[in-house]
Amino acid sequence: MNVFKRVWISITRRKTATLIFFLFTFLMGNVLICAESIAQSGENTQNHLLNRIGGKIVLTDTSLFSDAEVTGLTLDEYRKKWTVFEDCFKALTVRDHVAYADINYHINFMELSQSEEYELDENISYENGFSILHGISYANLADEKEGFIQLTGGEIFTDRQMENGDNVLIVNEDIKKDSKNIKVGDTIDFVMNISAYDSESNEMIDVYHEIVTYTVVGTFKIIENKYSDVKNIHNIQMFYTPNRNIQKLAETYLEMNPQEDYVSKIWIDSALIAVDQPQNVKSLEMAADNYVEGTDIIVTTSNDSVSNLLGPIDSFSGLAHKTVIFSIAAMCIIAALISFYFIKDRKHEIGIYLSMGIKRSELFFQIILEVILSGLLGIVISFASGWFLSQNLSRNMMRTAFYGEMSVSEKYTDVSFYLNPDQIDQQDILDEYVIMITVDDFIWLIGLSVGTFLISSLLPLLYVIRLKPKDIMLE
């Protein structure tokens, strides 16, 4: 009788032992599949969201966009902090894997000329009732790459225009001048009007008045979607101009009115740096942390944003990983005890086989094969049931965890505007969260099970087989 026939007869005749081992492996298989699928699905959801958001870093310093009364900075202190912020930004943008970047300057002392009739987009929020010029550092608009706007006419700024700070604009095509839509080649007038208090007349009088004429070199439209109102509020404005132009205006303003609080007239919202692949964010973040050490600059990444969004899922994944490790350890111990009991119970059978001249290696292979076949049956059947359990269990757990939490939109900030441009919320996460069991997962589980069965059977089998047939039969 060959070894395979002996294996089949042993499994079919020893029904109680086979059933017990089958139930044990079926139960442990369900636990392992459920835990592993939840863990893997959490990682898959995280990777998918990172690819959707992209790899980005945002630098912020609250003192650079807060009123001087809040920060208490002098002009020299403010300029020093501004320089440190810019130096950090520039140092990071020249590193490897940077796809695009931008740092935006803003001023609030320029008003649209009242001599012309302008019609602005009613959906845009304007500071002090007027549009703020939106300065950019690079001609390739980051807002276009982020999917916030789309160029519709003309061209982007040239390198010379950026370097010189020329009076050029890229304008929202929906702006109307004298009841006509704006187009490339048109001009738009802004006014810098500086007033000061006159103690003799007890009134504010104009001390400086200048009309600044800009030429429209390009037009764009805001890409409409369900989050357009949020994007517009966060400085996706009507007028793009080079940052150098903003600086020149600020220098003129300070020269004409040195007594005015400069800090509250020009500011930086934040600086955005996007990498080519999300996995490259970590190295850039480490470099940024080194640059900002000892400063008030805060580094926030898309990884941070995803981690905040996936808080409950991360908790489930961490728990699932621990469950996998615990299950493997428990499976080894319990399987070893079961194997030891059944193998010891079969020691007389083993003694007979040895007395008949069957080689120890052949007998060893037979018993190991019996254990593996009995166990794999339970594991394979548990594959489908474990997947079904993980589907229902994980979704119910996530809904419970998300229920009652503050929504993402309620937590929305200037930083999260760039790190979560699609304003992903809990429902988006639930939609993205799919329990997946792949062929690799199946192979991994089978390999793990076989390894567990081998380890659990090895010691008790060696204990019995090392005995002499005579000693076995006399016990």
Protein backbone atom coordinates (compact mmCIF):
# COMPACT_ATOMS: atom_id res chain seq x y z
CA MET A 1 0.00 0.00 0.00
CA ASN A 2 1.52 3.30 -1.04
CA VAL A 3 1.75 6.34 1.19
CA PHE A 4 -1.05 8.28 -0.50
CA LYS A 5 -3.51 5.42 -0.08
CA ARG A 6 -2.60 5.14 3.59
CA VAL A 7 -3.18 8.90 3.97
CA TRP A 8 -6.66 8.65 2.42
CA ILE A 9 -7.65 5.65 4.54
CA SER A 10 -6.39 7.33 7.72
CA ILE A 11 -8.33 10.56 7.03
CA THR A 12 -11.60 8.83 6.13
CA ARG A 13 -11.53 6.31 8.94
CA ARG A 14 -10.47 8.68 11.70
CA LYS A 15 -13.55 10.86 11.24
CA THR A 16 -13.65 12.34 14.75
CA ALA A 17 -10.04 13.49 14.67
CA THR A 18 -10.42 14.80 11.12
CA LEU A 19 -13.63 16.69 12.04
CA ILE A 20 -12.06 18.28 15.12
CA PHE A 21 -9.03 19.45 13.16
CA PHE A 22 -11.25 20.69 10.32
CA LEU A 23 -13.42 22.76 12.70
CA PHE A 24 -10.35 24.21 14.36
CA THR A 25 -8.74 25.26 11.07
CA PHE A 26 -12.06 26.56 9.74
CA LEU A 27 -12.47 28.80 12.80
CA MET A 28 -8.89 30.06 12.73
CA GLY A 29 -9.09 30.56 8.97
CA ASN A 30 -12.10 32.83 9.38
CA VAL A 31 -10.28 34.90 11.98
CA LEU A 32 -7.14 35.17 9.85
CA ILE A 33 -8.96 36.05 6.62
CA CYS A 34 -11.21 38.57 8.32
CA ALA A 35 -8.29 40.28 10.07
CA GLU A 36 -5.94 40.22 7.10
CA SER A 37 -8.55 41.47 4.61
CA ILE A 38 -9.43 44.38 6.91
CA ALA A 39 -5.76 45.24 7.36
CA GLN A 40 -5.02 45.05 3.64
CA SER A 41 -8.14 46.99 2.67
CA GLY A 42 -7.20 49.79 5.08
CA GLU A 43 -3.79 50.08 3.44
CA ASN A 44 -5.34 49.94 -0.04
CA THR A 45 -7.78 52.72 0.87
CA GLN A 46 -4.94 54.84 2.24
CA ASN A 47 -2.83 54.36 -0.91
CA HIS A 48 -5.81 55.11 -3.16
CA LEU A 49 -6.61 58.34 -1.31
CA LEU A 50 -2.96 59.39 -1.39
CA ASN A 51 -2.90 58.88 -5.15
CA ARG A 52 -6.14 60.83 -5.43
CA ILE A 53 -4.91 63.75 -3.31
CA GLY A 54 -1.31 63.59 -4.52
CA GLY A 55 1.92 64.07 -2.64
CA LYS A 56 2.09 67.59 -1.24
CA ILE A 57 3.67 69.68 1.48
CA VAL A 58 2.26 72.96 2.74
CA LEU A 59 4.35 75.45 4.73
CA THR A 60 2.60 77.96 6.98
CA ASP A 61 3.60 80.63 9.47
CA THR A 62 0.60 82.26 11.14
CA SER A 63 2.55 85.44 11.89
CA LEU A 64 2.87 86.07 8.14
CA PHE A 65 -0.87 86.28 7.53
CA SER A 66 -2.04 87.74 10.83
CA ASP A 67 -2.58 91.36 11.75
CA ALA A 68 0.34 93.13 13.44
CA GLU A 69 -1.79 93.73 16.52
CA VAL A 70 -1.98 89.96 16.89
CA THR A 71 1.63 89.11 16.10
CA GLY A 72 3.21 92.15 17.73
CA LEU A 73 6.01 92.10 15.13
CA THR A 74 8.04 95.12 14.13
CA LEU A 75 8.67 95.76 10.44
CA ASP A 76 12.23 94.39 10.69
CA GLU A 77 11.04 91.28 12.53
CA TYR A 78 8.32 90.74 9.97
CA ARG A 79 10.74 91.07 7.04
CA LYS A 80 13.17 88.67 8.72
CA LYS A 81 10.49 86.02 9.20
CA TRP A 82 9.34 86.56 5.61
CA THR A 83 12.91 85.98 4.36
CA VAL A 84 13.28 82.81 6.41
CA PHE A 85 9.99 81.51 5.02
CA GLU A 86 11.00 82.26 1.43
CA ASP A 87 14.47 80.72 1.86
CA CYS A 88 12.95 77.51 3.21
CA PHE A 89 10.48 77.37 0.32
CA LYS A 90 13.16 77.95 -2.32
CA ALA A 91 15.50 75.37 -0.78
CA LEU A 92 12.79 72.72 -0.93
CA THR A 93 11.64 73.48 -4.48
CA VAL A 94 15.05 72.63 -5.97
CA ARG A 95 15.11 69.15 -4.45
CA ASP A 96 14.49 65.97 -6.41
CA HIS A 97 10.98 64.78 -7.23
CA VAL A 98 9.35 68.24 -6.94
CA ALA A 99 6.69 68.48 -9.65
CA TYR A 100 5.47 72.05 -9.07
CA ALA A 101 5.26 74.61 -6.30
CA ASP A 102 3.93 78.06 -5.48
CA ILE A 103 3.97 80.70 -2.81
CA ASN A 104 1.30 83.41 -2.97
CA TYR A 105 1.63 87.06 -1.96
CA HIS A 106 -1.43 89.19 -1.19
CA ILE A 107 -2.11 92.90 -0.63
CA ASN A 108 -5.25 94.73 0.37
CA PHE A 109 -4.50 98.35 -0.54
CA MET A 110 -5.36 98.08 -4.26
CA GLU A 111 -8.91 98.78 -5.43
CA LEU A 112 -10.49 98.47 -8.82
CA SER A 113 -10.77 101.86 -10.47
CA GLN A 114 -14.21 103.42 -10.09
CA SER A 115 -13.82 105.14 -13.46
CA GLU A 116 -14.55 101.83 -15.15
CA GLU A 117 -17.60 99.62 -14.66
CA TYR A 118 -16.52 96.10 -13.64
CA GLU A 119 -18.82 93.19 -13.00
CA LEU A 120 -17.23 90.51 -10.83
CA ASP A 121 -18.25 86.93 -10.14
CA GLU A 122 -20.95 87.04 -7.47
CA ASN A 123 -19.80 83.67 -6.11
CA ILE A 124 -16.35 84.98 -5.15
CA SER A 125 -15.67 86.30 -1.66
CA TYR A 126 -13.68 89.56 -1.87
CA GLU A 127 -11.78 91.09 1.03
CA ASN A 128 -13.12 94.52 1.99
CA GLY A 129 -15.45 94.43 -0.99
CA PHE A 130 -12.60 94.51 -3.52
CA SER A 131 -10.63 91.85 -5.35
CA ILE A 132 -7.17 91.10 -3.99
CA LEU A 133 -4.38 90.61 -6.49
CA HIS A 134 -3.22 87.00 -6.20
CA GLY A 135 0.57 86.81 -6.55
CA ILE A 136 2.29 83.69 -7.89
CA SER A 137 5.94 82.61 -7.86
CA TYR A 138 5.94 80.44 -10.96
CA ALA A 139 4.44 81.09 -14.36
CA ASN A 140 3.02 77.57 -14.48
CA LEU A 141 -0.06 78.09 -12.33
CA ALA A 142 -0.22 75.65 -9.45
CA ASP A 143 -3.97 76.23 -9.23
CA GLU A 144 -4.33 74.89 -12.76
CA LYS A 145 -2.26 71.81 -11.94
CA GLU A 146 -4.37 71.33 -8.81
CA GLY A 147 -7.48 71.31 -10.98
CA PHE A 148 -8.99 74.49 -9.52
CA ILE A 149 -8.89 76.53 -12.74
CA GLN A 150 -8.48 76.00 -16.49
CA LEU A 151 -6.75 78.44 -18.85
CA THR A 152 -9.12 79.46 -21.64
CA GLY A 153 -7.19 82.07 -23.62
CA GLY A 154 -3.88 83.84 -24.08
CA GLU A 155 -0.83 82.48 -22.31
CA ILE A 156 0.89 82.21 -18.97
CA PHE A 157 3.41 84.80 -17.82
CA THR A 158 6.85 84.79 -19.42
CA ASP A 159 10.00 84.39 -17.32
CA ARG A 160 10.85 88.02 -18.02
CA GLN A 161 7.44 89.22 -16.82
CA MET A 162 7.81 87.14 -13.66
CA GLU A 163 11.32 88.43 -12.95
CA ASN A 164 10.54 92.11 -13.67
CA GLY A 165 7.16 92.08 -11.94
CA ASP A 166 5.38 93.56 -14.94
CA ASN A 167 1.82 94.83 -14.68
CA VAL A 168 0.26 91.77 -16.29
CA LEU A 169 -2.76 89.69 -15.30
CA ILE A 170 -4.35 86.34 -15.93
CA VAL A 171 -8.02 87.03 -15.34
CA ASN A 172 -11.24 85.11 -14.83
CA GLU A 173 -13.04 85.16 -18.18
CA ASP A 174 -16.38 85.89 -16.47
CA ILE A 175 -15.27 89.38 -15.42
CA LYS A 176 -17.08 92.06 -17.40
CA LYS A 177 -15.72 95.50 -18.19
CA ASP A 178 -18.28 98.01 -19.40
CA SER A 179 -20.76 95.11 -19.81
CA LYS A 180 -18.38 93.13 -22.05
CA ASN A 181 -16.52 89.96 -21.11
CA ILE A 182 -12.83 90.52 -20.50
CA LYS A 183 -10.45 89.26 -23.18
CA VAL A 184 -6.73 89.02 -23.83
CA GLY A 185 -5.22 92.42 -24.60
CA ASP A 186 -7.71 94.39 -22.47
CA THR A 187 -6.50 96.63 -19.67
CA ILE A 188 -7.73 96.80 -16.09
CA ASP A 189 -7.07 99.79 -13.81
CA PHE A 190 -6.36 99.50 -10.11
CA VAL A 191 -5.99 102.40 -7.71
CA MET A 192 -3.50 102.80 -4.89
CA ASN A 193 -5.02 105.46 -2.67
CA ILE A 194 -3.19 106.34 0.58
CA SER A 195 -4.95 108.46 3.16
CA ALA A 196 -3.72 110.01 6.39
CA TYR A 197 -5.34 111.76 9.30
CA ASP A 198 -5.14 115.59 9.19
CA SER A 199 -5.26 116.98 12.70
CA GLU A 200 -6.15 120.51 11.51
CA SER A 201 -9.24 119.49 9.59
CA ASN A 202 -9.89 116.46 11.78
CA GLU A 203 -10.44 114.43 8.60
CA MET A 204 -8.73 111.77 6.51
CA ILE A 205 -7.09 113.30 3.46
CA ASP A 206 -5.48 111.68 0.41
CA VAL A 207 -1.69 111.87 0.52
CA TYR A 208 -0.99 109.62 -2.44
CA HIS A 209 -3.05 108.54 -5.42
CA GLU A 210 -1.84 106.35 -8.27
CA ILE A 211 -3.65 104.49 -11.02
CA VAL A 212 -1.89 101.26 -11.98
CA THR A 213 -2.85 99.84 -15.35
CA TYR A 214 -2.55 96.10 -15.98
CA THR A 215 -2.65 94.24 -19.29
CA VAL A 216 -4.58 90.99 -19.56
CA VAL A 217 -2.30 88.32 -21.08
CA GLY A 218 -4.45 85.29 -20.29
CA THR A 219 -7.90 84.22 -19.15
CA PHE A 220 -9.15 81.27 -17.12
CA LYS A 221 -12.31 79.79 -15.73
CA ILE A 222 -12.93 78.18 -12.37
CA ILE A 223 -13.63 74.48 -12.74
CA GLU A 224 -17.07 74.00 -11.33
CA ASN A 225 -17.86 71.15 -9.00
CA LYS A 226 -19.63 70.64 -5.70
CA TYR A 227 -16.74 72.26 -3.82
CA SER A 228 -16.30 75.39 -5.95
CA ASP A 229 -17.67 77.65 -3.22
CA VAL A 230 -15.05 76.38 -0.77
CA LYS A 231 -12.24 76.79 -3.28
CA ASN A 232 -13.29 80.33 -4.17
CA ILE A 233 -13.37 81.39 -0.54
CA HIS A 234 -9.80 80.14 -0.16
CA ASN A 235 -8.21 82.70 -2.47
CA ILE A 236 -8.90 81.24 -5.89
CA GLN A 237 -9.37 84.84 -6.95
CA MET A 238 -9.99 86.76 -10.13
CA PHE A 239 -6.58 88.28 -10.80
CA TYR A 240 -3.22 86.45 -11.00
CA THR A 241 -0.07 88.55 -11.21
CA PRO A 242 3.66 87.90 -10.55
CA ASN A 243 4.75 88.00 -6.92
CA ARG A 244 7.43 90.49 -7.88
CA ASN A 245 4.65 92.87 -8.96
CA ILE A 246 3.07 92.55 -5.50
CA GLN A 247 6.45 93.32 -3.90
CA LYS A 248 6.92 96.44 -6.04
CA LEU A 249 3.48 97.72 -5.07
CA ALA A 250 4.22 97.08 -1.40
CA GLU A 251 7.54 98.92 -1.65
CA THR A 252 5.78 101.90 -3.22
CA TYR A 253 3.10 101.83 -0.55
CA LEU A 254 5.65 101.79 2.28
CA GLU A 255 7.69 104.57 0.68
CA MET A 256 4.63 106.82 0.32
CA ASN A 257 3.22 106.02 3.73
CA PRO A 258 5.99 104.86 6.12
CA GLN A 259 3.76 105.41 9.15
CA GLU A 260 1.20 102.87 8.02
CA ASP A 261 1.32 99.36 9.42
CA TYR A 262 3.07 97.47 6.62
CA VAL A 263 2.54 94.07 8.23
CA SER A 264 -1.22 94.16 7.78
CA LYS A 265 -0.97 95.22 4.12
CA ILE A 266 1.00 92.35 2.60
CA TRP A 267 0.99 88.71 3.66
CA ILE A 268 1.54 85.09 2.66
CA ASP A 269 -1.20 82.53 3.05
CA SER A 270 0.96 79.45 2.62
CA ALA A 271 3.44 77.75 0.32
CA LEU A 272 2.60 74.62 -1.65
CA ILE A 273 5.12 72.04 -2.87
CA ALA A 274 3.88 69.03 -4.84
CA VAL A 275 5.99 65.96 -5.58
CA ASP A 276 5.79 63.64 -8.58
CA GLN A 277 4.77 60.56 -6.56
CA PRO A 278 3.00 60.38 -3.15
CA GLN A 279 5.67 58.04 -1.77
CA ASN A 280 8.27 60.80 -2.17
CA VAL A 281 6.52 63.06 0.33
CA LYS A 282 8.24 61.48 3.32
CA SER A 283 11.78 62.37 2.21
CA LEU A 284 10.73 65.93 1.37
CA GLU A 285 8.99 66.23 4.72
CA MET A 286 12.19 65.19 6.52
CA ALA A 287 14.13 67.82 4.60
CA ALA A 288 11.49 70.44 5.40
CA ASP A 289 11.60 69.57 9.11
CA ASN A 290 15.35 70.19 9.10
CA TYR A 291 14.95 73.54 7.34
CA VAL A 292 12.22 74.84 9.66
CA GLU A 293 13.86 73.72 12.90
CA GLY A 294 14.04 76.70 15.25
CA THR A 295 11.45 78.70 13.28
CA ASP A 296 7.68 79.19 13.58
CA ILE A 297 7.05 77.50 10.23
CA ILE A 298 4.65 74.56 10.33
CA VAL A 299 5.05 71.65 7.89
CA THR A 300 1.88 69.78 6.93
CA THR A 301 1.73 66.98 4.37
CA SER A 302 -0.86 65.07 2.39
CA ASN A 303 0.09 62.04 4.52
CA ASP A 304 -1.08 63.99 7.57
CA SER A 305 -4.32 64.85 5.82
CA VAL A 306 -4.99 61.23 4.86
CA SER A 307 -4.11 60.04 8.37
CA ASN A 308 -6.64 62.47 9.81
CA LEU A 309 -9.28 61.30 7.38
CA LEU A 310 -8.54 57.64 7.98
CA GLY A 311 -8.32 57.72 11.77
CA PRO A 312 -10.92 54.97 12.37
CA ILE A 313 -9.62 52.88 9.47
CA ASP A 314 -6.05 53.12 10.80
CA SER A 315 -7.31 51.92 14.17
CA PHE A 316 -9.04 48.96 12.52
CA SER A 317 -5.97 48.13 10.44
CA GLY A 318 -3.70 48.27 13.48
CA LEU A 319 -6.06 46.05 15.43
CA ALA A 320 -6.33 43.69 12.47
CA HIS A 321 -2.54 43.36 12.18
CA LYS A 322 -2.30 42.51 15.88
CA THR A 323 -5.12 40.01 15.48
CA VAL A 324 -3.25 38.31 12.62
CA ILE A 325 -0.11 37.96 14.75
CA PHE A 326 -2.09 36.71 17.75
CA SER A 327 -4.05 34.26 15.56
CA ILE A 328 -0.89 32.81 14.04
CA ALA A 329 0.63 32.29 17.49
CA ALA A 330 -2.60 30.77 18.84
CA MET A 331 -2.95 28.59 15.77
CA CYS A 332 0.57 27.19 16.21
CA ILE A 333 0.08 26.43 19.90
CA ILE A 334 -3.39 24.91 19.63
CA ALA A 335 -2.52 22.95 16.49
CA ALA A 336 0.58 21.60 18.21
CA LEU A 337 -1.49 20.45 21.20
CA ILE A 338 -4.09 18.81 18.94
CA SER A 339 -1.40 17.17 16.83
CA PHE A 340 0.45 15.95 19.91
CA TYR A 341 -2.72 14.39 21.31
CA PHE A 342 -3.69 12.62 18.09
CA ILE A 343 -0.16 11.53 17.20
CA LYS A 344 0.41 10.15 20.69
CA ASP A 345 -2.92 8.37 20.41
CA ARG A 346 -1.62 6.74 17.20
CA LYS A 347 1.74 5.66 18.57
CA HIS A 348 0.85 1.97 18.45
CA GLU A 349 -0.15 2.38 14.80
CA ILE A 350 3.17 4.09 14.21
CA GLY A 351 4.96 1.22 16.01
CA ILE A 352 3.26 -1.33 13.77
CA TYR A 353 4.24 0.57 10.64
CA LEU A 354 7.84 0.72 11.81
CA SER A 355 7.81 -3.00 12.67
CA MET A 356 6.57 -3.72 9.12
CA GLY A 357 9.70 -2.07 7.78
CA ILE A 358 8.21 1.24 6.61
CA LYS A 359 10.88 3.87 6.60
CA ARG A 360 10.68 6.60 9.24
CA SER A 361 10.98 9.29 6.53
CA GLU A 362 8.02 7.78 4.63
CA LEU A 363 5.97 7.55 7.80
CA PHE A 364 6.93 11.08 8.72
CA PHE A 365 5.78 12.32 5.30
CA GLN A 366 2.49 10.39 5.61
CA ILE A 367 1.46 11.95 8.93
CA ILE A 368 2.51 15.43 7.88
CA LEU A 369 0.47 15.04 4.68
CA GLU A 370 -2.57 13.91 6.69
CA VAL A 371 -2.37 17.01 8.90
CA ILE A 372 -1.92 19.38 5.96
CA LEU A 373 -4.80 17.93 3.92
CA SER A 374 -7.19 17.93 6.90
CA GLY A 375 -6.27 21.49 7.77
CA LEU A 376 -6.31 22.90 4.24
CA LEU A 377 -9.89 21.77 3.74
CA GLY A 378 -10.99 24.01 6.60
CA ILE A 379 -8.80 26.89 5.42
CA VAL A 380 -10.13 26.84 1.85
CA ILE A 381 -13.75 26.75 2.96
CA SER A 382 -13.11 29.57 5.46
CA PHE A 383 -11.86 31.78 2.63
CA ALA A 384 -15.37 32.65 1.42
CA SER A 385 -16.96 32.87 4.86
CA GLY A 386 -14.10 35.03 6.20
CA TRP A 387 -14.48 37.47 3.31
CA PHE A 388 -18.23 37.72 3.95
CA LEU A 389 -17.67 38.35 7.66
CA SER A 390 -15.03 41.01 7.01
CA GLN A 391 -17.33 42.84 4.59
CA ASN A 392 -20.11 43.22 7.13
CA LEU A 393 -18.00 43.59 10.25
CA SER A 394 -15.65 46.28 8.97
CA ARG A 395 -18.35 48.44 7.38
CA ASN A 396 -20.49 48.34 10.51
CA MET A 397 -17.47 49.21 12.64
CA MET A 398 -16.56 52.13 10.37
CA ARG A 399 -20.06 53.54 10.30
CA THR A 400 -20.14 53.39 14.08
CA ALA A 401 -16.73 55.08 14.34
CA PHE A 402 -17.62 57.85 11.87
CA TYR A 403 -21.09 58.41 13.28
CA GLY A 404 -21.36 61.68 15.17
CA GLU A 405 -17.86 62.90 14.26
CA MET A 406 -17.35 66.41 12.94
CA SER A 407 -17.44 66.36 9.17
CA VAL A 408 -14.37 67.12 7.10
CA SER A 409 -15.96 70.28 5.73
CA GLU A 410 -16.41 71.59 9.28
CA LYS A 411 -12.68 71.08 9.89
CA TYR A 412 -11.74 72.79 6.62
CA THR A 413 -8.78 75.20 6.74
CA ASP A 414 -6.51 77.03 4.32
CA VAL A 415 -3.99 74.21 4.63
CA SER A 416 -6.48 71.39 4.09
CA PHE A 417 -7.70 73.26 1.01
CA TYR A 418 -4.50 72.21 -0.76
CA LEU A 419 -3.97 68.91 1.05
CA ASN A 420 -7.54 67.78 0.42
CA PRO A 421 -8.60 69.64 -2.75
CA ASP A 422 -11.58 67.34 -3.36
CA GLN A 423 -12.75 67.88 0.22
CA ILE A 424 -13.04 64.15 0.76
CA ASP A 425 -15.52 63.36 3.50
CA GLN A 426 -16.65 60.32 5.46
CA GLN A 427 -18.98 59.10 2.73
CA ASP A 428 -16.17 59.28 0.18
CA ILE A 429 -14.02 57.16 2.48
CA LEU A 430 -16.79 54.60 2.94
CA ASP A 431 -17.22 54.47 -0.83
CA GLU A 432 -13.47 53.98 -1.33
CA TYR A 433 -13.27 51.31 1.38
CA VAL A 434 -13.62 47.95 -0.33
CA ILE A 435 -12.72 44.61 1.21
CA MET A 436 -10.56 42.86 -1.35
CA ILE A 437 -9.09 39.38 -1.23
CA THR A 438 -6.64 38.78 -4.04
CA VAL A 439 -4.88 35.72 -5.39
CA ASP A 440 -1.79 36.84 -3.49
CA ASP A 441 -3.82 36.88 -0.27
CA PHE A 442 -5.01 33.34 -1.00
CA ILE A 443 -1.48 32.10 -1.68
CA TRP A 444 -0.22 33.88 1.45
CA LEU A 445 -2.89 32.24 3.59
CA ILE A 446 -2.26 28.77 2.16
CA GLY A 447 1.48 29.15 2.68
CA LEU A 448 0.97 30.41 6.22
CA SER A 449 -1.36 27.53 7.02
CA VAL A 450 0.98 24.88 5.62
CA GLY A 451 3.86 26.38 7.57
CA THR A 452 1.79 26.43 10.74
CA PHE A 453 0.74 22.80 10.30
CA LEU A 454 4.34 21.75 9.69
CA ILE A 455 5.62 23.52 12.79
CA SER A 456 2.76 22.30 14.98
CA SER A 457 3.17 18.66 13.87
CA LEU A 458 6.95 18.52 13.78
CA LEU A 459 7.75 18.35 17.49
CA PRO A 460 5.10 15.83 18.60
CA LEU A 461 5.85 13.65 15.55
CA LEU A 462 9.58 13.67 16.26
CA TYR A 463 8.84 12.73 19.86
CA VAL A 464 7.01 9.56 18.80
CA ILE A 465 9.05 8.56 15.76
CA ARG A 466 12.38 8.77 17.58
CA LEU A 467 11.22 5.85 19.81
CA LYS A 468 12.06 2.28 18.88
CA PRO A 469 9.13 0.11 17.68
CA LYS A 470 9.56 -2.26 20.63
CA ASP A 471 9.41 0.63 23.14
CA ILE A 472 6.31 2.02 21.44
CA MET A 473 4.48 -1.29 21.54
CA LEU A 474 5.37 -1.93 25.18
CA GLU A 475 3.98 1.43 26.38
